[in-house]
Protein backbone atom coordinates (compact mmCIF):
# COMPACT_ATOMS: atom_id res chain seq x y z
CA MET A 1 6.34 88.15 66.73
CA SER A 2 5.32 84.49 66.50
CA THR A 3 7.62 81.55 65.93
CA PRO A 4 7.14 79.86 62.53
CA LEU A 5 5.53 76.45 62.68
CA THR A 6 7.48 73.37 61.74
CA PRO A 7 5.76 71.95 58.66
CA LEU A 8 3.73 68.76 59.08
CA ARG A 9 5.38 66.26 56.72
CA TRP A 10 2.94 64.04 54.81
CA GLY A 11 3.53 60.59 53.37
CA ILE A 12 1.03 59.33 50.81
CA LEU A 13 0.37 55.63 50.19
CA GLY A 14 -0.73 55.30 46.58
CA CYS A 15 -0.68 57.60 43.55
CA GLY A 16 -4.25 57.50 42.27
CA SER A 17 -6.88 60.18 41.86
CA ILE A 18 -7.54 60.66 45.59
CA ALA A 19 -3.79 61.02 46.24
CA ASN A 20 -3.60 63.61 43.47
CA ARG A 21 -6.47 65.62 44.93
CA LEU A 22 -4.89 65.52 48.38
CA GLY A 23 -1.50 66.49 46.97
CA ALA A 24 -2.96 69.51 45.20
CA ASP A 25 -4.43 70.69 48.50
CA VAL A 26 -1.42 69.97 50.72
CA VAL A 27 1.01 71.92 48.52
CA ARG A 28 -1.12 75.04 49.04
CA LEU A 29 -0.70 74.97 52.82
CA GLU A 30 2.16 76.90 54.39
CA ASP A 31 2.58 74.64 57.41
CA HIS A 32 2.31 71.29 55.56
CA ARG A 33 4.61 69.57 53.09
CA LEU A 34 4.47 66.47 50.92
CA GLN A 35 7.52 64.55 52.11
CA ALA A 36 7.16 61.06 50.64
CA ILE A 37 5.15 59.00 48.18
CA ALA A 38 4.86 55.21 48.16
CA SER A 39 3.86 53.02 45.25
CA ARG A 40 4.72 49.56 44.05
CA ASP A 41 5.04 51.17 40.61
CA ALA A 42 8.22 53.28 40.39
CA GLU A 43 7.00 55.14 37.30
CA LYS A 44 3.79 56.27 39.01
CA ALA A 45 5.71 57.34 42.11
CA GLY A 46 8.14 59.29 39.95
CA LYS A 47 5.38 61.13 38.12
CA TYR A 48 3.63 61.99 41.37
CA ALA A 49 6.88 63.16 42.98
CA GLU A 50 7.71 65.39 40.01
CA LYS A 51 4.20 66.84 39.84
CA PHE A 52 4.14 67.85 43.51
CA GLY A 53 7.85 68.25 44.34
CA VAL A 54 7.97 65.27 46.70
CA PRO A 55 11.57 64.60 47.76
CA THR A 56 11.25 60.93 48.83
CA ARG A 57 9.93 58.02 46.76
CA HIS A 58 9.37 54.57 48.22
CA THR A 59 8.81 51.95 45.51
CA GLY A 60 8.68 48.22 45.08
CA PRO A 61 7.07 45.43 47.11
CA ASP A 62 8.02 46.99 50.48
CA ALA A 63 7.13 50.57 49.53
CA TYR A 64 4.23 50.98 51.95
CA THR A 65 6.18 49.60 54.91
CA ALA A 66 9.13 51.83 54.05
CA LEU A 67 6.93 54.93 54.00
CA VAL A 68 5.25 54.09 57.31
CA ASN A 69 8.71 53.63 58.87
CA ASP A 70 10.20 56.76 57.27
CA PRO A 71 11.46 58.99 60.13
CA ASP A 72 10.92 62.10 57.98
CA VAL A 73 7.16 61.49 57.72
CA ASP A 74 4.85 62.79 60.45
CA ILE A 75 1.49 61.66 59.07
CA VAL A 76 0.49 58.98 56.55
CA TYR A 77 -2.52 59.26 54.27
CA VAL A 78 -3.75 55.95 52.85
CA ALA A 79 -4.92 56.62 49.29
CA THR A 80 -5.17 53.02 48.14
CA PRO A 81 -8.41 51.22 47.28
CA HIS A 82 -10.35 50.31 50.44
CA ASN A 83 -9.51 46.61 50.33
CA PHE A 84 -5.86 47.47 51.05
CA HIS A 85 -6.45 49.67 54.15
């Protein structure tokens, strides 16, 4: 009998179309979980969190920094336009 894997906890920077495509894929994986979303727009973050069951929302001018520093996030996906990477 194998030991269950600890889920890899994802944080997503941005709530646009690429983030939505990634979210739809991540939620299908047993050993991955959407943990946090970051957006300067609280409404967009809220809609994304509700759509994918994301427990943590980072919003406001320091949202991206807060997500990167979130101890409950193992990996960060940057889904913002390329000039913000």
